[in-house]
Amino acid sequence: MPHSRMTGLGYYVPENVVTNQDLTQWMETSDAWIQERTGIQERRYFTYGKDTNASMAAAASRQALERASLTPADVDVVVYATITPDYYFPGSAFLMQRELGMEGKPIIDIREQCSGFVYALSIADQFLKSGMYRTALVVGSEIQSTWIDKSTSGRNVAVIFGDGAGAAVLQATDSPDHRILSTHLHADGRFAEDLYVRDPGSSRPDRAATKEMADEGGYNVVMNGSAVFKHAVVRFGEVIQEALQANGFQPGDIDLLIPHQANLRISDYVRQQLGLSEAQVVTNIQRYGNTTAASIPIALAEAWEQGRVQEGQLLCLAAFGSGFTWASALIRW
């Protein structure tokens, strides 16, 4: 049975840097308040007329394909994760496909929030292991700056999120040593309303989107921060241990942990529980904020650029997000 191996990584972040100080023009907050709660110092916002969800994904994908010495024509399937598509439908994956000239190639368009990239990676991995496809493009892309409530009442959420895209190329391999070892996916819909955007929704009367919904704040992100934090620190640890145990490893065997960039306090807590050093964990939330489905591929691509990802290393990807969803992937690079 073939396996799958990452052969190219890429990312794109908008040029528009928004610092914590910049946010004070919209809400009552401060750099110290934001850093104490999240660890974030700045984030990127898209530029209207220049960036779209799909164009950012295309830029990240081009870079990943180039680093894999491939072209868009070499891709057999695209798995694209986002919760902020350019259109209500079809998904942004189709727009990226058009931009890259990949007409006719199948697309899997998923919404798994902050766990989206790991879910997408797992789907692509199954396609390659089954022998159905040989090359997959896995993408996470988000524009969240237009969804958040930038008033003081919405600051607990608004200070967290940023925009960006990341991509990875997966290719089938016969090597037992350099491959995705396993992926592990979970969800629990009992807590769906602890982190969600209610509107627009098809189960509403009349039109799916109305002025009344906007006036009532139905389009704003609602987050029960305490509940999310408590679940995240537990599920992160559980799903990382699950991946390690499935492959006969211990936490100390991890060379590099690339967690979803949700909150620096969460990452630090998980790191300490696993007994890992700061050098063993990739964190870039300080500069990009939480970019949801894009956060892991951005962090992984940056770590690779910096020379932190080396052949033979054991890498663990882990995520937790709305749904609730949580997931992990263990990779021998």
C-alpha atoms as a PDB file:
ATOM      1  CA  MET A   1       0.000   0.000   0.000  1.00  0.00           C
ATOM      2  CA  PRO A   2       1.378   3.448  -0.871  1.00  0.00           C
ATOM      3  CA  HIS A   3       1.782   6.142   1.729  1.00  0.00           C
ATOM      4  CA  SER A   4       1.664   9.931   1.422  1.00  0.00           C
ATOM      5  CA  ARG A   5       4.478  12.384   1.981  1.00  0.00           C
ATOM      6  CA  MET A   6       4.569  16.177   2.117  1.00  0.00           C
ATOM      7  CA  THR A   7       6.839  17.408  -0.641  1.00  0.00           C
ATOM      8  CA  GLY A   8       6.051  21.134  -0.773  1.00  0.00           C
ATOM      9  CA  LEU A   9       4.850  23.828   1.617  1.00  0.00           C
ATOM     10  CA  GLY A  10       3.688  27.380   0.965  1.00  0.00           C
ATOM     11  CA  TYR A  11       1.892  30.273   2.609  1.00  0.00           C
ATOM     12  CA  TYR A  12       0.607  33.751   1.961  1.00  0.00           C
ATOM     13  CA  VAL A  13      -0.181  36.498   4.465  1.00  0.00           C
ATOM     14  CA  PRO A  14      -1.589  39.892   3.439  1.00  0.00           C
ATOM     15  CA  GLU A  15       0.751  42.881   3.525  1.00  0.00           C
ATOM     16  CA  ASN A  16      -1.595  44.849   5.803  1.00  0.00           C
ATOM     17  CA  VAL A  17      -0.160  44.550   9.346  1.00  0.00           C
ATOM     18  CA  VAL A  18      -2.615  45.442  12.134  1.00  0.00           C
ATOM     19  CA  THR A  19      -0.987  45.907  15.530  1.00  0.00           C
ATOM     20  CA  ASN A  20      -2.654  45.798  18.921  1.00  0.00           C
ATOM     21  CA  GLN A  21      -2.263  49.559  19.067  1.00  0.00           C
ATOM     22  CA  ASP A  22      -4.113  49.867  15.736  1.00  0.00           C
ATOM     23  CA  LEU A  23      -7.115  48.082  17.271  1.00  0.00           C
ATOM     24  CA  THR A  24      -7.534  50.862  19.835  1.00  0.00           C
ATOM     25  CA  GLN A  25      -9.045  53.062  17.105  1.00  0.00           C
ATOM     26  CA  TRP A  26     -12.095  50.761  17.054  1.00  0.00           C
ATOM     27  CA  MET A  27     -12.381  49.469  20.608  1.00  0.00           C
ATOM     28  CA  GLU A  28     -11.332  50.001  24.205  1.00  0.00           C
ATOM     29  CA  THR A  29      -8.280  47.778  24.533  1.00  0.00           C
ATOM     30  CA  SER A  30      -4.509  47.912  24.892  1.00  0.00           C
ATOM     31  CA  ASP A  31      -1.424  46.043  23.790  1.00  0.00           C
ATOM     32  CA  ALA A  32      -0.878  44.762  27.330  1.00  0.00           C
ATOM     33  CA  TRP A  33      -4.495  43.535  27.660  1.00  0.00           C
ATOM     34  CA  ILE A  34      -4.322  41.589  24.375  1.00  0.00           C
ATOM     35  CA  GLN A  35      -0.891  40.083  24.948  1.00  0.00           C
ATOM     36  CA  GLU A  36      -1.759  38.980  28.475  1.00  0.00           C
ATOM     37  CA  ARG A  37      -4.825  37.055  27.255  1.00  0.00           C
ATOM     38  CA  THR A  38      -3.664  35.753  23.877  1.00  0.00           C
ATOM     39  CA  GLY A  39       0.034  36.393  23.294  1.00  0.00           C
ATOM     40  CA  ILE A  40      -0.828  38.196  20.052  1.00  0.00           C
ATOM     41  CA  GLN A  41       1.078  41.346  19.109  1.00  0.00           C
ATOM     42  CA  GLU A  42      -0.161  41.841  15.548  1.00  0.00           C
ATOM     43  CA  ARG A  43      -2.110  40.155  12.782  1.00  0.00           C
ATOM     44  CA  ARG A  44      -2.679  40.579   9.028  1.00  0.00           C
ATOM     45  CA  TYR A  45      -5.863  41.867   7.383  1.00  0.00           C
ATOM     46  CA  PHE A  46      -6.624  41.387   3.703  1.00  0.00           C
ATOM     47  CA  THR A  47      -6.625  44.338   1.304  1.00  0.00           C
ATOM     48  CA  TYR A  48      -9.973  44.840  -0.417  1.00  0.00           C
ATOM     49  CA  GLY A  49      -9.605  44.697  -4.198  1.00  0.00           C
ATOM     50  CA  LYS A  50      -6.266  42.887  -3.949  1.00  0.00           C
ATOM     51  CA  ASP A  51      -6.803  39.811  -1.782  1.00  0.00           C
ATOM     52  CA  THR A  52      -9.571  37.237  -1.767  1.00  0.00           C
ATOM     53  CA  ASN A  53      -9.830  33.941   0.052  1.00  0.00           C
ATOM     54  CA  ALA A  54      -9.169  32.184  -3.251  1.00  0.00           C
ATOM     55  CA  SER A  55      -6.325  34.444  -4.390  1.00  0.00           C
ATOM     56  CA  MET A  56      -4.485  33.972  -1.093  1.00  0.00           C
ATOM     57  CA  ALA A  57      -4.937  30.213  -1.408  1.00  0.00           C
ATOM     58  CA  ALA A  58      -3.650  30.341  -4.977  1.00  0.00           C
ATOM     59  CA  ALA A  59      -0.524  32.232  -3.898  1.00  0.00           C
ATOM     60  CA  ALA A  60       0.194  29.725  -1.128  1.00  0.00           C
ATOM     61  CA  SER A  61      -0.461  26.826  -3.516  1.00  0.00           C
ATOM     62  CA  ARG A  62       1.838  28.173  -6.208  1.00  0.00           C
ATOM     63  CA  GLN A  63       4.642  28.401  -3.670  1.00  0.00           C
ATOM     64  CA  ALA A  64       3.992  24.885  -2.351  1.00  0.00           C
ATOM     65  CA  LEU A  65       3.880  23.433  -5.874  1.00  0.00           C
ATOM     66  CA  GLU A  66       7.061  25.220  -6.900  1.00  0.00           C
ATOM     67  CA  ARG A  67       8.868  23.856  -3.854  1.00  0.00           C
ATOM     68  CA  ALA A  68       7.646  20.375  -4.783  1.00  0.00           C
ATOM     69  CA  SER A  69       8.931  20.912  -8.368  1.00  0.00           C
ATOM     70  CA  LEU A  70       5.379  20.485  -9.678  1.00  0.00           C
ATOM     71  CA  THR A  71       2.820  22.508 -11.622  1.00  0.00           C
ATOM     72  CA  PRO A  72      -0.945  22.801 -11.088  1.00  0.00           C
ATOM     73  CA  ALA A  73      -1.404  20.308 -13.924  1.00  0.00           C
ATOM     74  CA  ASP A  74       0.313  17.646 -11.805  1.00  0.00           C
ATOM     75  CA  VAL A  75      -2.322  17.819  -9.050  1.00  0.00           C
ATOM     76  CA  ASP A  76      -4.909  15.018  -9.031  1.00  0.00           C
ATOM     77  CA  VAL A  77      -7.192  16.313  -6.252  1.00  0.00           C
ATOM     78  CA  VAL A  78      -7.643  19.459  -4.130  1.00  0.00           C
ATOM     79  CA  VAL A  79      -8.835  19.397  -0.514  1.00  0.00           C
ATOM     80  CA  TYR A  80      -9.642  22.951   0.616  1.00  0.00           C
ATOM     81  CA  ALA A  81     -10.570  24.013   4.140  1.00  0.00           C
ATOM     82  CA  THR A  82     -12.160  27.355   4.999  1.00  0.00           C
ATOM     83  CA  ILE A  83     -15.032  28.822   7.002  1.00  0.00           C
ATOM     84  CA  THR A  84     -14.850  32.191   5.244  1.00  0.00           C
ATOM     85  CA  PRO A  85     -15.482  31.516   1.537  1.00  0.00           C
ATOM     86  CA  ASP A  86     -15.693  34.339  -0.982  1.00  0.00           C
ATOM     87  CA  TYR A  87     -19.211  33.241  -1.943  1.00  0.00           C
ATOM     88  CA  TYR A  88     -21.960  31.514   0.020  1.00  0.00           C
ATOM     89  CA  PHE A  89     -21.603  28.905  -2.719  1.00  0.00           C
ATOM     90  CA  PRO A  90     -19.730  27.624  -4.627  1.00  0.00           C
ATOM     91  CA  GLY A  91     -16.708  27.359  -2.355  1.00  0.00           C
ATOM     92  CA  SER A  92     -13.506  29.321  -2.813  1.00  0.00           C
ATOM     93  CA  ALA A  93     -11.779  26.115  -3.903  1.00  0.00           C
ATOM     94  CA  PHE A  94     -13.504  26.468  -7.266  1.00  0.00           C
ATOM     95  CA  LEU A  95     -12.283  30.040  -7.644  1.00  0.00           C
ATOM     96  CA  MET A  96      -8.740  28.978  -6.793  1.00  0.00           C
ATOM     97  CA  GLN A  97      -9.029  26.124  -9.273  1.00  0.00           C
ATOM     98  CA  ARG A  98      -9.987  28.599 -11.986  1.00  0.00           C
ATOM     99  CA  GLU A  99      -7.119  30.932 -11.109  1.00  0.00           C
ATOM    100  CA  LEU A 100      -4.575  28.114 -11.240  1.00  0.00           C
ATOM    101  CA  GLY A 101      -5.977  26.635 -14.454  1.00  0.00           C
ATOM    102  CA  MET A 102      -6.851  23.280 -12.918  1.00  0.00           C
ATOM    103  CA  GLU A 103     -10.203  22.752 -14.628  1.00  0.00           C
ATOM    104  CA  GLY A 104     -11.536  19.222 -14.439  1.00  0.00           C
ATOM    105  CA  LYS A 105      -9.646  18.280 -11.276  1.00  0.00           C
ATOM    106  CA  PRO A 106     -11.839  17.104  -8.362  1.00  0.00           C
ATOM    107  CA  ILE A 107     -12.319  19.327  -5.328  1.00  0.00           C
ATOM    108  CA  ILE A 108     -13.196  18.422  -1.757  1.00  0.00           C
ATOM    109  CA  ASP A 109     -14.480  21.569  -0.039  1.00  0.00           C
ATOM    110  CA  ILE A 110     -14.680  21.216   3.763  1.00  0.00           C
ATOM    111  CA  ARG A 111     -15.665  23.297   6.785  1.00  0.00           C
ATOM    112  CA  GLU A 112     -14.041  22.005   9.957  1.00  0.00           C
ATOM    113  CA  GLN A 113     -13.069  25.377  11.396  1.00  0.00           C
ATOM    114  CA  CYS A 114      -9.724  25.458  13.236  1.00  0.00           C
ATOM    115  CA  SER A 115      -9.224  21.716  12.693  1.00  0.00           C
ATOM    116  CA  GLY A 116      -9.830  22.159   8.973  1.00  0.00           C
ATOM    117  CA  PHE A 117      -6.294  21.686   7.721  1.00  0.00           C
ATOM    118  CA  VAL A 118      -5.699  18.465   9.659  1.00  0.00           C
ATOM    119  CA  TYR A 119      -9.062  17.107   8.504  1.00  0.00           C
ATOM    120  CA  ALA A 120      -8.157  18.050   4.915  1.00  0.00           C
ATOM    121  CA  LEU A 121      -4.757  16.419   5.303  1.00  0.00           C
ATOM    122  CA  SER A 122      -6.394  13.228   6.524  1.00  0.00           C
ATOM    123  CA  ILE A 123      -8.807  13.151   3.576  1.00  0.00           C
ATOM    124  CA  ALA A 124      -5.967  13.640   1.093  1.00  0.00           C
ATOM    125  CA  ASP A 125      -3.912  10.980   2.877  1.00  0.00           C
ATOM    126  CA  GLN A 126      -6.708   8.424   2.458  1.00  0.00           C
ATOM    127  CA  PHE A 127      -7.002   9.162  -1.266  1.00  0.00           C
ATOM    128  CA  LEU A 128      -3.293   8.618  -1.793  1.00  0.00           C
ATOM    129  CA  LYS A 129      -3.109   5.499   0.370  1.00  0.00           C
ATOM    130  CA  SER A 130      -6.027   3.970  -1.531  1.00  0.00           C
ATOM    131  CA  GLY A 131      -4.164   4.440  -4.809  1.00  0.00           C
ATOM    132  CA  MET A 132      -6.969   6.528  -6.308  1.00  0.00           C
ATOM    133  CA  TYR A 133      -4.704   9.589  -6.677  1.00  0.00           C
ATOM    134  CA  ARG A 134      -0.951  10.209  -6.637  1.00  0.00           C
ATOM    135  CA  THR A 135      -0.736  13.957  -5.908  1.00  0.00           C
ATOM    136  CA  ALA A 136      -2.955  16.078  -3.666  1.00  0.00           C
ATOM    137  CA  LEU A 137      -3.016  19.785  -2.867  1.00  0.00           C
ATOM    138  CA  VAL A 138      -4.198  20.560   0.670  1.00  0.00           C
ATOM    139  CA  VAL A 139      -5.181  24.162   1.435  1.00  0.00           C
ATOM    140  CA  GLY A 140      -6.363  26.250   4.376  1.00  0.00           C
ATOM    141  CA  SER A 141      -7.395  29.860   3.710  1.00  0.00           C
ATOM    142  CA  GLU A 142      -9.290  32.456   5.743  1.00  0.00           C
ATOM    143  CA  ILE A 143     -10.461  36.071   5.601  1.00  0.00           C
ATOM    144  CA  GLN A 144     -11.875  36.732   9.045  1.00  0.00           C
ATOM    145  CA  SER A 145     -11.296  40.460   9.422  1.00  0.00           C
ATOM    146  CA  THR A 146     -14.614  41.237   7.708  1.00  0.00           C
ATOM    147  CA  TRP A 147     -16.632  38.958  10.031  1.00  0.00           C
ATOM    148  CA  ILE A 148     -15.464  40.088  13.438  1.00  0.00           C
ATOM    149  CA  ASP A 149     -17.164  42.753  15.527  1.00  0.00           C
ATOM    150  CA  LYS A 150     -14.486  45.424  15.983  1.00  0.00           C
ATOM    151  CA  SER A 151     -16.406  47.290  18.681  1.00  0.00           C
ATOM    152  CA  THR A 152     -15.611  47.136  22.383  1.00  0.00           C
ATOM    153  CA  SER A 153     -18.433  44.636  22.906  1.00  0.00           C
ATOM    154  CA  GLY A 154     -16.779  42.274  20.428  1.00  0.00           C
ATOM    155  CA  ARG A 155     -13.154  42.747  21.431  1.00  0.00           C
ATOM    156  CA  ASN A 156     -12.748  39.365  23.176  1.00  0.00           C
ATOM    157  CA  VAL A 157     -13.080  37.753  19.750  1.00  0.00           C
ATOM    158  CA  ALA A 158     -11.917  40.569  17.466  1.00  0.00           C
ATOM    159  CA  VAL A 159      -8.398  40.792  18.889  1.00  0.00           C
ATOM    160  CA  ILE A 160      -7.736  37.109  18.163  1.00  0.00           C
ATOM    161  CA  PHE A 161      -8.331  36.595  14.458  1.00  0.00           C
ATOM    162  CA  GLY A 162      -6.318  37.365  11.339  1.00  0.00           C
ATOM    163  CA  ASP A 163      -6.226  36.524   7.629  1.00  0.00           C
ATOM    164  CA  GLY A 164      -3.935  34.283   5.604  1.00  0.00           C
ATOM    165  CA  ALA A 165      -3.507  31.036   3.669  1.00  0.00           C
ATOM    166  CA  GLY A 166      -1.285  27.973   3.709  1.00  0.00           C
ATOM    167  CA  ALA A 167      -0.881  24.940   1.458  1.00  0.00           C
ATOM    168  CA  ALA A 168       0.859  21.593   1.309  1.00  0.00           C
ATOM    169  CA  VAL A 169       1.538  19.186  -1.540  1.00  0.00           C
ATOM    170  CA  LEU A 170       1.144  15.493  -0.783  1.00  0.00           C
ATOM    171  CA  GLN A 171       2.563  12.832  -3.081  1.00  0.00           C
ATOM    172  CA  ALA A 172       2.270   9.078  -2.969  1.00  0.00           C
ATOM    173  CA  THR A 173       5.412   7.288  -1.810  1.00  0.00           C
ATOM    174  CA  ASP A 174       6.522   3.731  -1.188  1.00  0.00           C
ATOM    175  CA  SER A 175       8.919   4.820   1.554  1.00  0.00           C
ATOM    176  CA  PRO A 176       8.005   3.428   4.975  1.00  0.00           C
ATOM    177  CA  ASP A 177      10.257   5.966   6.655  1.00  0.00           C
ATOM    178  CA  HIS A 178       9.236   9.394   5.321  1.00  0.00           C
ATOM    179  CA  ARG A 179       5.461   9.728   5.353  1.00  0.00           C
ATOM    180  CA  ILE A 180       2.320  10.633   7.221  1.00  0.00           C
ATOM    181  CA  LEU A 181       2.186   7.957   9.896  1.00  0.00           C
ATOM    182  CA  SER A 182      -1.416   8.472  11.009  1.00  0.00           C
ATOM    183  CA  THR A 183      -4.209  11.011  11.422  1.00  0.00           C
ATOM    184  CA  HIS A 184      -6.841  11.159  14.162  1.00  0.00           C
ATOM    185  CA  LEU A 185     -10.139  13.052  13.884  1.00  0.00           C
ATOM    186  CA  HIS A 186     -12.832  13.825  16.467  1.00  0.00           C
ATOM    187  CA  ALA A 187     -15.909  16.028  16.922  1.00  0.00           C
ATOM    188  CA  ASP A 188     -18.566  16.756  19.542  1.00  0.00           C
ATOM    189  CA  GLY A 189     -21.566  18.787  18.394  1.00  0.00           C
ATOM    190  CA  ARG A 190     -22.955  19.155  21.913  1.00  0.00           C
ATOM    191  CA  PHE A 191     -20.891  22.328  22.218  1.00  0.00           C
ATOM    192  CA  ALA A 192     -21.664  23.829  18.799  1.00  0.00           C
ATOM    193  CA  GLU A 193     -22.980  27.116  20.213  1.00  0.00           C
ATOM    194  CA  ASP A 194     -19.931  27.710  22.419  1.00  0.00           C
ATOM    195  CA  LEU A 195     -18.107  29.030  19.352  1.00  0.00           C
ATOM    196  CA  TYR A 196     -20.207  29.854  16.298  1.00  0.00           C
ATOM    197  CA  VAL A 197     -21.658  32.369  13.855  1.00  0.00           C
ATOM    198  CA  ARG A 198     -25.438  31.966  13.819  1.00  0.00           C
ATOM    199  CA  ASP A 199     -26.373  33.709  10.582  1.00  0.00           C
ATOM    200  CA  PRO A 200     -26.994  33.466   7.713  1.00  0.00           C
ATOM    201  CA  GLY A 201     -28.685  30.103   7.966  1.00  0.00           C
ATOM    202  CA  SER A 202     -31.038  28.192   5.708  1.00  0.00           C
ATOM    203  CA  SER A 203     -33.328  27.225   8.604  1.00  0.00           C
ATOM    204  CA  ARG A 204     -34.489  30.831   9.095  1.00  0.00           C
ATOM    205  CA  PRO A 205     -37.856  32.037   7.791  1.00  0.00           C
ATOM    206  CA  ASP A 206     -38.004  33.906   4.485  1.00  0.00           C
ATOM    207  CA  ARG A 207     -34.568  34.973   3.245  1.00  0.00           C
ATOM    208  CA  ALA A 208     -31.436  33.349   4.661  1.00  0.00           C
ATOM    209  CA  ALA A 209     -29.914  36.787   5.294  1.00  0.00           C
ATOM    210  CA  THR A 210     -31.811  39.869   6.465  1.00  0.00           C
ATOM    211  CA  LYS A 211     -31.084  43.334   7.826  1.00  0.00           C
ATOM    212  CA  GLU A 212     -32.659  42.269  11.105  1.00  0.00           C
ATOM    213  CA  MET A 213     -30.086  39.514  11.491  1.00  0.00           C
ATOM    214  CA  ALA A 214     -27.303  42.022  11.035  1.00  0.00           C
ATOM    215  CA  ASP A 215     -28.866  44.483  13.484  1.00  0.00           C
ATOM    216  CA  GLU A 216     -29.210  41.705  16.067  1.00  0.00           C
ATOM    217  CA  GLY A 217     -25.558  40.719  15.706  1.00  0.00           C
ATOM    218  CA  GLY A 218     -26.338  37.361  14.136  1.00  0.00           C
ATOM    219  CA  TYR A 219     -23.327  37.618  11.828  1.00  0.00           C
ATOM    220  CA  ASN A 220     -20.873  38.121  14.691  1.00  0.00           C
ATOM    221  CA  VAL A 221     -18.673  35.384  16.109  1.00  0.00           C
ATOM    222  CA  VAL A 222     -19.994  34.237  19.471  1.00  0.00           C
ATOM    223  CA  MET A 223     -17.481  32.555  21.778  1.00  0.00           C
ATOM    224  CA  ASN A 224     -17.740  31.152  25.286  1.00  0.00           C
ATOM    225  CA  GLY A 225     -14.065  31.765  25.946  1.00  0.00           C
ATOM    226  CA  SER A 226     -13.877  29.894  29.236  1.00  0.00           C
ATOM    227  CA  ALA A 227     -15.524  26.761  27.824  1.00  0.00           C
ATOM    228  CA  VAL A 228     -13.375  26.807  24.703  1.00  0.00           C
ATOM    229  CA  PHE A 229     -10.177  27.127  26.738  1.00  0.00           C
ATOM    230  CA  LYS A 230     -11.097  24.308  29.130  1.00  0.00           C
ATOM    231  CA  HIS A 231     -11.992  21.912  26.341  1.00  0.00           C
ATOM    232  CA  ALA A 232      -9.024  22.902  24.177  1.00  0.00           C
ATOM    233  CA  VAL A 233      -6.328  22.169  26.740  1.00  0.00           C
ATOM    234  CA  VAL A 234      -7.820  18.720  27.376  1.00  0.00           C
ATOM    235  CA  ARG A 235      -8.493  17.735  23.765  1.00  0.00           C
ATOM    236  CA  PHE A 236      -5.123  18.963  22.487  1.00  0.00           C
ATOM    237  CA  GLY A 237      -3.316  16.708  24.948  1.00  0.00           C
ATOM    238  CA  GLU A 238      -5.613  13.754  24.287  1.00  0.00           C
ATOM    239  CA  VAL A 239      -5.331  13.801  20.510  1.00  0.00           C
ATOM    240  CA  ILE A 240      -1.544  14.271  20.578  1.00  0.00           C
ATOM    241  CA  GLN A 241      -1.181  11.311  22.948  1.00  0.00           C
ATOM    242  CA  GLU A 242      -3.519   9.293  20.716  1.00  0.00           C
ATOM    243  CA  ALA A 243      -1.249   9.853  17.714  1.00  0.00           C
ATOM    244  CA  LEU A 244       1.868   8.985  19.689  1.00  0.00           C
ATOM    245  CA  GLN A 245       0.403   5.815  21.200  1.00  0.00           C
ATOM    246  CA  ALA A 246      -0.884   4.633  17.822  1.00  0.00           C
ATOM    247  CA  ASN A 247       2.676   4.648  16.542  1.00  0.00           C
ATOM    248  CA  GLY A 248       4.569   3.552  19.643  1.00  0.00           C
ATOM    249  CA  PHE A 249       6.063   6.917  20.596  1.00  0.00           C
ATOM    250  CA  GLN A 250       6.315   9.048  23.725  1.00  0.00           C
ATOM    251  CA  PRO A 251       5.997  12.870  23.957  1.00  0.00           C
ATOM    252  CA  GLY A 252       9.772  13.157  24.243  1.00  0.00           C
ATOM    253  CA  ASP A 253      10.116  11.611  20.779  1.00  0.00           C
ATOM    254  CA  ILE A 254       8.472  14.657  19.154  1.00  0.00           C
ATOM    255  CA  ASP A 255      11.023  16.823  17.392  1.00  0.00           C
ATOM    256  CA  LEU A 256       8.514  19.523  16.481  1.00  0.00           C
ATOM    257  CA  LEU A 257       4.923  20.135  17.550  1.00  0.00           C
ATOM    258  CA  ILE A 258       2.970  22.417  15.220  1.00  0.00           C
ATOM    259  CA  PRO A 259      -0.296  23.254  17.001  1.00  0.00           C
ATOM    260  CA  HIS A 260      -3.161  25.297  15.676  1.00  0.00           C
ATOM    261  CA  GLN A 261      -2.371  28.874  16.667  1.00  0.00           C
ATOM    262  CA  ALA A 262      -5.414  29.474  18.857  1.00  0.00           C
ATOM    263  CA  ASN A 263      -3.962  31.177  21.907  1.00  0.00           C
ATOM    264  CA  LEU A 264      -0.398  31.306  23.209  1.00  0.00           C
ATOM    265  CA  ARG A 265      -1.621  30.355  26.692  1.00  0.00           C
ATOM    266  CA  ILE A 266      -3.175  27.165  25.307  1.00  0.00           C
ATOM    267  CA  SER A 267      -0.016  26.236  23.404  1.00  0.00           C
ATOM    268  CA  ASP A 268       2.154  26.880  26.459  1.00  0.00           C
ATOM    269  CA  TYR A 269      -0.115  24.790  28.685  1.00  0.00           C
ATOM    270  CA  VAL A 270      -0.066  21.858  26.252  1.00  0.00           C
ATOM    271  CA  ARG A 271       3.710  22.148  25.835  1.00  0.00           C
ATOM    272  CA  GLN A 272       4.248  22.015  29.582  1.00  0.00           C
ATOM    273  CA  GLN A 273       1.870  19.060  30.027  1.00  0.00           C
ATOM    274  CA  LEU A 274       3.834  17.117  27.403  1.00  0.00           C
ATOM    275  CA  GLY A 275       7.174  18.099  28.884  1.00  0.00           C
ATOM    276  CA  LEU A 276       8.367  19.779  25.695  1.00  0.00           C
ATOM    277  CA  SER A 277      10.771  22.715  25.447  1.00  0.00           C
ATOM    278  CA  GLU A 278       9.866  25.966  23.733  1.00  0.00           C
ATOM    279  CA  ALA A 279      12.217  25.002  20.893  1.00  0.00           C
ATOM    280  CA  GLN A 280      10.106  21.909  20.219  1.00  0.00           C
ATOM    281  CA  VAL A 281       6.911  23.905  19.596  1.00  0.00           C
ATOM    282  CA  VAL A 282       6.216  26.199  16.642  1.00  0.00           C
ATOM    283  CA  THR A 283       4.388  29.404  17.597  1.00  0.00           C
ATOM    284  CA  ASN A 284       3.751  32.366  15.318  1.00  0.00           C
ATOM    285  CA  ILE A 285       0.432  33.566  16.743  1.00  0.00           C
ATOM    286  CA  GLN A 286       2.322  36.611  18.024  1.00  0.00           C
ATOM    287  CA  ARG A 287       2.606  37.905  14.437  1.00  0.00           C
ATOM    288  CA  TYR A 288      -0.429  36.455  12.667  1.00  0.00           C
ATOM    289  CA  GLY A 289      -3.117  35.864  15.277  1.00  0.00           C
ATOM    290  CA  ASN A 290      -5.506  32.957  14.845  1.00  0.00           C
ATOM    291  CA  THR A 291      -5.945  32.248  11.137  1.00  0.00           C
ATOM    292  CA  THR A 292      -8.197  29.209  11.733  1.00  0.00           C
ATOM    293  CA  ALA A 293      -7.747  26.598   8.963  1.00  0.00           C
ATOM    294  CA  ALA A 294      -4.675  28.441   7.665  1.00  0.00           C
ATOM    295  CA  SER A 295      -2.743  28.555  10.933  1.00  0.00           C
ATOM    296  CA  ILE A 296      -1.080  25.120  10.868  1.00  0.00           C
ATOM    297  CA  PRO A 297       0.114  25.233   7.232  1.00  0.00           C
ATOM    298  CA  ILE A 298       1.398  28.811   7.708  1.00  0.00           C
ATOM    299  CA  ALA A 299       3.289  27.784  10.854  1.00  0.00           C
ATOM    300  CA  LEU A 300       4.633  24.612   9.229  1.00  0.00           C
ATOM    301  CA  ALA A 301       5.756  26.413   6.073  1.00  0.00           C
ATOM    302  CA  GLU A 302       7.487  29.116   8.109  1.00  0.00           C
ATOM    303  CA  ALA A 303       9.240  26.527  10.264  1.00  0.00           C
ATOM    304  CA  TRP A 304      10.452  24.770   7.114  1.00  0.00           C
ATOM    305  CA  GLU A 305      11.745  28.076   5.698  1.00  0.00           C
ATOM    306  CA  GLN A 306      13.637  28.719   8.936  1.00  0.00           C
ATOM    307  CA  GLY A 307      15.339  25.338   8.754  1.00  0.00           C
ATOM    308  CA  ARG A 308      13.523  23.963  11.799  1.00  0.00           C
ATOM    309  CA  VAL A 309      12.033  21.068   9.796  1.00  0.00           C
ATOM    310  CA  GLN A 310      14.691  18.486   8.997  1.00  0.00           C
ATOM    311  CA  GLU A 311      14.633  15.101   7.291  1.00  0.00           C
ATOM    312  CA  GLY A 312      13.962  12.262   9.698  1.00  0.00           C
ATOM    313  CA  GLN A 313      12.267  14.391  12.323  1.00  0.00           C
ATOM    314  CA  LEU A 314       9.025  13.362  14.004  1.00  0.00           C
ATOM    315  CA  LEU A 315       6.414  16.114  13.547  1.00  0.00           C
ATOM    316  CA  CYS A 316       3.039  16.327  15.230  1.00  0.00           C
ATOM    317  CA  LEU A 317       0.227  18.572  14.004  1.00  0.00           C
ATOM    318  CA  ALA A 318      -2.667  19.179  16.389  1.00  0.00           C
ATOM    319  CA  ALA A 319      -5.791  21.340  16.327  1.00  0.00           C
ATOM    320  CA  PHE A 320      -8.925  22.177  18.263  1.00  0.00           C
ATOM    321  CA  GLY A 321     -11.796  24.348  17.119  1.00  0.00           C
ATOM    322  CA  SER A 322     -15.465  25.147  16.780  1.00  0.00           C
ATOM    323  CA  GLY A 323     -17.825  22.243  16.500  1.00  0.00           C
ATOM    324  CA  PHE A 324     -16.144  21.193  18.712  1.00  0.00           C
ATOM    325  CA  THR A 325     -13.559  19.497  16.502  1.00  0.00           C
ATOM    326  CA  TRP A 326     -10.088  18.255  17.346  1.00  0.00           C
ATOM    327  CA  ALA A 327      -7.519  16.380  15.306  1.00  0.00           C
ATOM    328  CA  SER A 328      -3.883  15.362  15.028  1.00  0.00           C
ATOM    329  CA  ALA A 329      -1.414  14.026  12.473  1.00  0.00           C
ATOM    330  CA  LEU A 330       1.937  12.376  13.110  1.00  0.00           C
ATOM    331  CA  ILE A 331       4.520  12.734  10.352  1.00  0.00           C
ATOM    332  CA  ARG A 332       7.979  11.304   9.817  1.00  0.00           C
ATOM    333  CA  TRP A 333       9.544  14.019   7.684  1.00  0.00           C
END
